[in-house]
């Protein structure tokens, strides 16, 4: 799964660079965690939807990139047991 995400992300990043947008570095794990994590909206777009649509891929990379620029962590955090 991470290989597929990485390949799709590389293609989307190339398209963004042609538009003179420099996305933050986003790993395949960060992308996966962000797309499969908790959501606070009623958005029903799935990871499969995004991987199957280059425009959604570009949209999500920009969204993630802008969050990272603001210091947000995109990876799921592991809960520790007390």
N, C-alpha and C. Protein backbone atom coordinates (compact mmCIF):
# COMPACT_ATOMS: atom_id res chain seq x y z
N UNK A 1 0.83 -1.19 0.00
CA UNK A 1 0.00 0.00 0.00
C UNK A 1 0.87 1.26 0.00
N UNK A 2 1.93 1.28 0.84
CA UNK A 2 2.77 2.47 0.92
C UNK A 2 3.50 2.75 -0.40
N UNK A 3 3.85 1.69 -1.13
CA UNK A 3 4.50 1.87 -2.42
C UNK A 3 3.56 2.57 -3.40
N UNK A 4 2.30 2.13 -3.42
CA UNK A 4 1.31 2.75 -4.31
C UNK A 4 1.10 4.22 -3.93
N UNK A 5 0.99 4.50 -2.64
CA UNK A 5 0.82 5.88 -2.18
C UNK A 5 2.02 6.71 -2.60
N UNK A 6 3.23 6.19 -2.39
CA UNK A 6 4.44 6.91 -2.77
C UNK A 6 4.49 7.23 -4.25
N UNK A 7 4.13 6.27 -5.08
CA UNK A 7 4.14 6.49 -6.53
C UNK A 7 3.13 7.56 -6.94
N UNK A 8 1.92 7.47 -6.40
CA UNK A 8 0.87 8.44 -6.73
C UNK A 8 1.26 9.84 -6.23
N UNK A 9 1.86 9.90 -5.04
CA UNK A 9 2.27 11.18 -4.48
C UNK A 9 3.38 11.82 -5.33
N UNK A 10 4.33 11.03 -5.81
CA UNK A 10 5.40 11.56 -6.66
C UNK A 10 4.82 12.19 -7.94
N UNK A 11 3.87 11.50 -8.54
CA UNK A 11 3.23 12.04 -9.75
C UNK A 11 2.50 13.35 -9.46
N UNK A 12 1.78 13.39 -8.35
CA UNK A 12 1.05 14.60 -7.98
C UNK A 12 2.02 15.75 -7.66
N UNK A 13 3.14 15.44 -7.00
CA UNK A 13 4.13 16.47 -6.68
C UNK A 13 4.73 17.07 -7.95
N UNK A 14 4.95 16.23 -8.95
CA UNK A 14 5.46 16.75 -10.23
C UNK A 14 4.48 17.74 -10.83
N UNK A 15 3.20 17.40 -10.79
CA UNK A 15 2.17 18.30 -11.33
C UNK A 15 2.13 19.61 -10.54
N UNK A 16 2.26 19.52 -9.22
CA UNK A 16 2.24 20.72 -8.39
C UNK A 16 3.45 21.62 -8.68
N UNK A 17 4.60 21.02 -8.89
CA UNK A 17 5.79 21.81 -9.19
C UNK A 17 5.65 22.54 -10.52
N UNK A 18 4.95 21.94 -11.48
CA UNK A 18 4.68 22.60 -12.75
C UNK A 18 3.78 23.81 -12.56
N UNK A 19 3.00 23.79 -11.49
CA UNK A 19 2.12 24.91 -11.16
C UNK A 19 2.80 25.89 -10.20
N UNK A 20 4.11 25.68 -9.98
CA UNK A 20 4.93 26.54 -9.12
C UNK A 20 4.51 26.48 -7.65
N UNK A 21 4.03 25.33 -7.22
CA UNK A 21 3.71 25.10 -5.82
C UNK A 21 4.70 24.08 -5.28
N UNK A 22 5.33 24.41 -4.19
CA UNK A 22 6.32 23.51 -3.58
C UNK A 22 5.71 22.87 -2.34
N UNK A 23 5.26 21.63 -2.46
CA UNK A 23 4.66 20.96 -1.30
C UNK A 23 5.72 20.57 -0.27
N UNK A 24 5.27 20.46 0.96
CA UNK A 24 6.13 19.96 2.03
C UNK A 24 6.44 18.48 1.76
N UNK A 25 7.46 17.97 2.40
CA UNK A 25 7.80 16.55 2.29
C UNK A 25 6.77 15.76 3.09
N UNK A 26 6.06 14.88 2.44
CA UNK A 26 5.03 14.07 3.09
C UNK A 26 5.31 12.61 2.77
N UNK A 27 5.53 11.82 3.80
CA UNK A 27 5.83 10.40 3.59
C UNK A 27 4.54 9.63 3.27
N UNK A 28 4.72 8.44 2.72
CA UNK A 28 3.58 7.58 2.43
C UNK A 28 2.83 7.23 3.71
N UNK A 29 3.57 7.05 4.80
CA UNK A 29 2.93 6.74 6.09
C UNK A 29 2.11 7.92 6.57
N UNK A 30 2.66 9.14 6.47
CA UNK A 30 1.90 10.32 6.87
C UNK A 30 0.63 10.45 6.03
N UNK A 31 0.77 10.23 4.72
CA UNK A 31 -0.39 10.31 3.84
C UNK A 31 -1.45 9.30 4.26
N UNK A 32 -1.04 8.07 4.48
CA UNK A 32 -1.95 7.00 4.91
C UNK A 32 -2.61 7.36 6.23
N UNK A 33 -1.82 7.77 7.20
CA UNK A 33 -2.36 8.09 8.53
C UNK A 33 -3.37 9.23 8.44
N UNK A 34 -3.04 10.25 7.67
CA UNK A 34 -3.94 11.39 7.52
C UNK A 34 -5.27 10.97 6.88
N UNK A 35 -5.18 10.16 5.85
CA UNK A 35 -6.38 9.75 5.12
C UNK A 35 -7.23 8.73 5.89
N UNK A 36 -6.64 8.00 6.80
CA UNK A 36 -7.39 6.98 7.53
C UNK A 36 -7.64 7.38 8.98
N UNK A 37 -7.22 8.58 9.34
CA UNK A 37 -7.40 9.05 10.71
C UNK A 37 -8.78 9.61 10.96
N UNK A 38 -8.95 10.09 12.17
CA UNK A 38 -10.22 10.68 12.59
C UNK A 38 -10.54 11.92 11.78
N UNK A 39 -11.80 12.08 11.43
CA UNK A 39 -12.23 13.25 10.68
C UNK A 39 -13.26 14.01 11.50
N UNK A 40 -13.26 15.32 11.33
CA UNK A 40 -14.18 16.16 12.08
C UNK A 40 -15.26 16.74 11.19
N UNK A 41 -15.36 16.22 9.99
CA UNK A 41 -16.40 16.65 9.06
C UNK A 41 -17.16 15.41 8.61
N UNK A 42 -18.13 15.61 7.80
CA UNK A 42 -18.90 14.48 7.29
C UNK A 42 -18.37 14.03 5.93
N UNK A 43 -17.11 14.33 5.65
CA UNK A 43 -16.46 13.95 4.40
C UNK A 43 -16.38 12.43 4.31
N UNK A 44 -16.81 11.88 3.19
CA UNK A 44 -16.80 10.43 3.03
C UNK A 44 -15.78 9.98 1.98
N UNK A 45 -14.87 10.86 1.59
CA UNK A 45 -13.83 10.51 0.62
C UNK A 45 -12.85 9.54 1.28
N UNK A 46 -12.60 8.43 0.61
CA UNK A 46 -11.73 7.39 1.18
C UNK A 46 -10.33 7.47 0.56
N UNK A 47 -9.42 6.75 1.18
CA UNK A 47 -8.07 6.64 0.64
C UNK A 47 -8.12 6.07 -0.77
N UNK A 48 -8.93 5.08 -0.99
CA UNK A 48 -9.08 4.47 -2.31
C UNK A 48 -9.58 5.51 -3.33
N UNK A 49 -10.54 6.34 -2.93
CA UNK A 49 -11.05 7.41 -3.81
C UNK A 49 -9.92 8.33 -4.25
N UNK A 50 -9.10 8.73 -3.28
CA UNK A 50 -8.02 9.68 -3.55
C UNK A 50 -6.95 9.05 -4.44
N UNK A 51 -6.58 7.82 -4.17
CA UNK A 51 -5.56 7.15 -4.98
C UNK A 51 -6.04 6.91 -6.41
N UNK A 52 -7.34 6.88 -6.60
CA UNK A 52 -7.89 6.64 -7.92
C UNK A 52 -8.17 7.90 -8.73
N UNK A 53 -7.88 9.08 -8.15
CA UNK A 53 -8.20 10.32 -8.83
C UNK A 53 -7.06 11.32 -8.66
N UNK A 54 -6.37 11.64 -9.74
CA UNK A 54 -5.19 12.51 -9.63
C UNK A 54 -5.53 13.89 -9.08
N UNK A 55 -6.73 14.39 -9.33
CA UNK A 55 -7.10 15.71 -8.83
C UNK A 55 -7.34 15.69 -7.32
N UNK A 56 -7.95 14.62 -6.82
CA UNK A 56 -8.10 14.47 -5.37
C UNK A 56 -6.74 14.31 -4.71
N UNK A 57 -5.85 13.59 -5.37
CA UNK A 57 -4.50 13.39 -4.84
C UNK A 57 -3.80 14.74 -4.69
N UNK A 58 -3.89 15.57 -5.70
CA UNK A 58 -3.29 16.90 -5.66
C UNK A 58 -3.92 17.72 -4.53
N UNK A 59 -5.24 17.69 -4.45
CA UNK A 59 -5.95 18.43 -3.40
C UNK A 59 -5.47 18.02 -2.01
N UNK A 60 -5.42 16.71 -1.76
CA UNK A 60 -5.01 16.23 -0.44
C UNK A 60 -3.56 16.57 -0.14
N UNK A 61 -2.68 16.49 -1.13
CA UNK A 61 -1.28 16.86 -0.89
C UNK A 61 -1.15 18.32 -0.52
N UNK A 62 -1.91 19.18 -1.18
CA UNK A 62 -1.87 20.61 -0.82
C UNK A 62 -2.40 20.80 0.60
N UNK A 63 -3.51 20.15 0.92
CA UNK A 63 -4.10 20.28 2.26
C UNK A 63 -3.11 19.82 3.33
N UNK A 64 -2.50 18.66 3.11
CA UNK A 64 -1.52 18.14 4.07
C UNK A 64 -0.31 19.05 4.17
N UNK A 65 0.15 19.54 3.03
CA UNK A 65 1.31 20.40 3.00
C UNK A 65 1.06 21.69 3.80
N UNK A 66 -0.10 22.27 3.62
CA UNK A 66 -0.42 23.50 4.34
C UNK A 66 -0.55 23.25 5.84
N UNK A 67 -1.06 22.09 6.22
CA UNK A 67 -1.12 21.75 7.65
C UNK A 67 0.29 21.58 8.22
N UNK A 68 1.17 20.91 7.48
CA UNK A 68 2.55 20.74 7.94
C UNK A 68 3.26 22.09 8.08
N UNK A 69 3.00 23.00 7.14
CA UNK A 69 3.61 24.34 7.23
C UNK A 69 3.20 25.04 8.51
N UNK A 70 2.04 24.69 9.04
CA UNK A 70 1.53 25.30 10.27
C UNK A 70 1.91 24.48 11.51
N UNK A 71 2.76 23.47 11.30
CA UNK A 71 3.28 22.70 12.42
C UNK A 71 2.43 21.52 12.87
N UNK A 72 1.44 21.14 12.08
CA UNK A 72 0.58 20.01 12.45
C UNK A 72 1.27 18.69 12.14
N UNK A 73 1.10 17.72 13.02
CA UNK A 73 1.62 16.37 12.83
C UNK A 73 0.57 15.56 12.08
N UNK A 74 0.95 14.92 10.99
CA UNK A 74 0.00 14.15 10.18
C UNK A 74 -0.05 12.68 10.57
N UNK A 75 0.92 12.22 11.34
CA UNK A 75 0.96 10.79 11.69
C UNK A 75 0.07 10.51 12.88
N UNK A 76 -0.48 9.30 12.88
CA UNK A 76 -1.26 8.86 14.02
C UNK A 76 -0.31 8.69 15.19
N UNK A 77 -0.75 9.10 16.34
CA UNK A 77 0.06 8.91 17.53
C UNK A 77 -0.35 7.62 18.22
N UNK A 78 0.64 6.94 18.75
CA UNK A 78 0.33 5.70 19.46
C UNK A 78 -0.06 6.03 20.88
N UNK A 79 -1.11 5.39 21.33
CA UNK A 79 -1.56 5.60 22.71
C UNK A 79 -0.70 4.74 23.63
N UNK A 80 -0.32 5.30 24.74
CA UNK A 80 0.47 4.54 25.71
C UNK A 80 -0.45 4.04 26.80
N UNK A 81 -0.13 2.89 27.32
CA UNK A 81 -0.93 2.32 28.40
C UNK A 81 -0.37 2.80 29.73
N UNK A 82 -1.26 3.06 30.65
CA UNK A 82 -0.84 3.50 31.99
C UNK A 82 -0.73 2.33 32.92
